[in-house]
C-alpha cells in the first residue's frame, strides 16, 4: 500500500516561510503526479499545488507566486515551500499521488499562520 508521511508544519507569522515535506513509500514520486492539499477547519480538502511526472507544476490561484512544489527522486519525497504566508493558508496539509488508484491519506501536518 502506498503511504505518505507529512512533516514540517507549525506556527508561522504572516509573511513568514515554512517548508513542508512528504515521504512516500510504495510508489516512486518520479513516475507519478503528486499533489499537496489543504484542509481548513470545517472546509473540504482542496488541491493547492501539483507536480507532474515531467516536472510541470500547477498552483491554485490563492497560492500562485508564493508556494513552490518540488520533489527529490533520490529520497522519494515531495516538498512544498511556503513563502509570504497568509492567515488563509492555515490548515492541515496533505500530500497524495493524483492517481485515483491511491485513495488513502496520510495524517497530514498542521500549518497555522498568525496575523
Protein backbone atom coordinates (compact mmCIF):
# COMPACT_ATOMS: atom_id res chain seq x y z
CA UNK A 1 0.00 0.00 0.00
CA UNK A 2 1.18 3.50 -0.80
CA UNK A 3 1.84 5.53 2.33
CA UNK A 4 2.52 9.23 2.79
CA UNK A 5 4.05 10.88 5.84
CA UNK A 6 3.88 14.66 6.01
CA UNK A 7 6.04 16.86 8.24
CA UNK A 8 7.27 20.40 8.67
CA UNK A 9 4.13 22.15 9.79
CA UNK A 10 3.98 24.59 12.65
CA UNK A 11 3.14 28.13 13.66
CA UNK A 12 4.36 30.96 11.45
CA UNK A 13 3.63 34.66 11.39
CA UNK A 14 2.00 36.23 8.38
CA UNK A 15 4.65 36.98 5.79
CA UNK A 16 6.87 34.17 7.01
CA UNK A 17 8.01 30.96 5.39
CA UNK A 18 7.62 27.27 6.04
CA UNK A 19 8.76 24.16 4.20
CA UNK A 20 6.64 21.04 4.24
CA UNK A 21 7.96 17.61 3.35
CA UNK A 22 6.26 14.37 2.40
CA UNK A 23 7.95 10.99 2.46
CA UNK A 24 6.30 8.46 0.17
CA UNK A 25 6.62 4.68 0.29
CA UNK A 26 5.19 2.07 -2.04
CA UNK A 27 5.30 4.35 -5.07
CA UNK A 28 8.00 6.27 -6.92
CA UNK A 29 7.31 10.01 -6.92
CA UNK A 30 9.35 10.32 -10.10
CA UNK A 31 6.78 8.26 -12.00
CA UNK A 32 3.63 9.83 -10.61
CA UNK A 33 1.94 13.18 -10.49
CA UNK A 34 1.86 14.36 -6.88
CA UNK A 35 -0.23 16.96 -5.12
CA UNK A 36 -0.37 18.97 -1.91
CA UNK A 37 -3.81 19.53 -0.45
CA UNK A 38 -5.04 21.84 2.30
CA UNK A 39 -7.99 21.30 4.59
CA UNK A 40 -9.05 24.27 6.67
CA UNK A 41 -11.23 23.75 9.72
CA UNK A 42 -14.80 23.00 8.69
CA UNK A 43 -13.98 23.03 4.99
CA UNK A 44 -13.31 20.48 2.29
CA UNK A 45 -9.83 19.46 1.31
CA UNK A 46 -8.59 21.38 -1.73
CA UNK A 47 -5.67 20.86 -4.08
CA UNK A 48 -3.24 23.77 -3.79
CA UNK A 49 -0.25 22.54 -5.79
CA UNK A 50 0.65 19.66 -8.06
CA UNK A 51 3.69 18.46 -9.95
CA UNK A 52 3.50 16.22 -13.00
CA UNK A 53 5.73 13.30 -13.90
CA UNK A 54 7.64 15.58 -16.26
CA UNK A 55 8.10 18.27 -13.62
CA UNK A 56 5.45 20.70 -14.70
CA UNK A 57 3.63 22.40 -11.85
CA UNK A 58 0.23 23.91 -11.26
CA UNK A 59 -0.95 26.08 -8.40
CA UNK A 60 -4.27 27.22 -7.08
CA UNK A 61 -4.58 30.98 -7.71
CA UNK A 62 -4.66 31.56 -3.96
CA UNK A 63 -1.04 30.36 -3.62
CA UNK A 64 0.36 31.14 -7.07
CA UNK A 65 3.65 33.02 -6.79
CA UNK A 66 4.06 32.19 -3.08
CA UNK A 67 4.24 28.39 -2.93
CA UNK A 68 6.62 26.10 -4.79
CA UNK A 69 6.21 22.35 -5.12
CA UNK A 70 9.23 20.17 -5.80
CA UNK A 71 10.34 16.58 -5.46
CA UNK A 72 13.52 14.70 -4.65
CA UNK A 73 13.57 11.49 -6.65
CA UNK A 74 16.53 10.06 -4.75
CA UNK A 75 14.78 10.48 -1.40
CA UNK A 76 11.32 9.79 -2.84
CA UNK A 77 9.92 12.90 -1.23
CA UNK A 78 7.77 15.83 -2.27
CA UNK A 79 8.11 19.27 -0.71
CA UNK A 80 6.08 22.45 -0.54
CA UNK A 81 7.90 25.72 0.07
CA UNK A 82 5.50 28.27 1.51
CA UNK A 83 6.56 31.92 1.34
CA UNK A 84 4.73 35.12 2.18
CA UNK A 85 2.32 33.10 4.30
CA UNK A 86 -1.19 34.42 4.87
CA UNK A 87 -3.68 33.57 7.63
CA UNK A 88 -5.90 31.94 5.00
CA UNK A 89 -3.12 29.39 4.37
CA UNK A 90 -3.95 27.88 7.78
CA UNK A 91 -4.99 24.25 7.69
CA UNK A 92 -3.84 20.67 7.66
CA UNK A 93 -1.67 19.91 4.64
CA UNK A 94 -1.60 16.51 2.99
CA UNK A 95 0.33 15.12 0.06
CA UNK A 96 -1.01 12.40 -2.17
CA UNK A 97 -0.49 10.97 -5.63
CA UNK A 98 -3.07 12.34 -8.06
CA UNK A 99 -3.78 8.84 -9.31
CA UNK A 100 -7.24 7.52 -8.48
CA UNK A 101 -5.60 4.19 -7.66
CA UNK A 102 -4.45 5.67 -4.34
CA UNK A 103 -7.35 6.52 -2.07
CA UNK A 104 -5.69 6.59 1.33
CA UNK A 105 -4.31 9.70 3.03
CA UNK A 106 -1.51 10.40 5.45
CA UNK A 107 -2.00 12.10 8.80
CA UNK A 108 -1.15 15.50 7.40
CA UNK A 109 0.78 18.32 9.00
CA UNK A 110 -0.83 21.34 10.62
CA UNK A 111 0.12 24.82 9.47
CA UNK A 112 -1.07 27.82 11.45
CA UNK A 113 -0.41 31.33 10.15
CA UNK A 114 -0.94 34.07 12.70
CA UNK A 115 -1.86 37.59 11.70
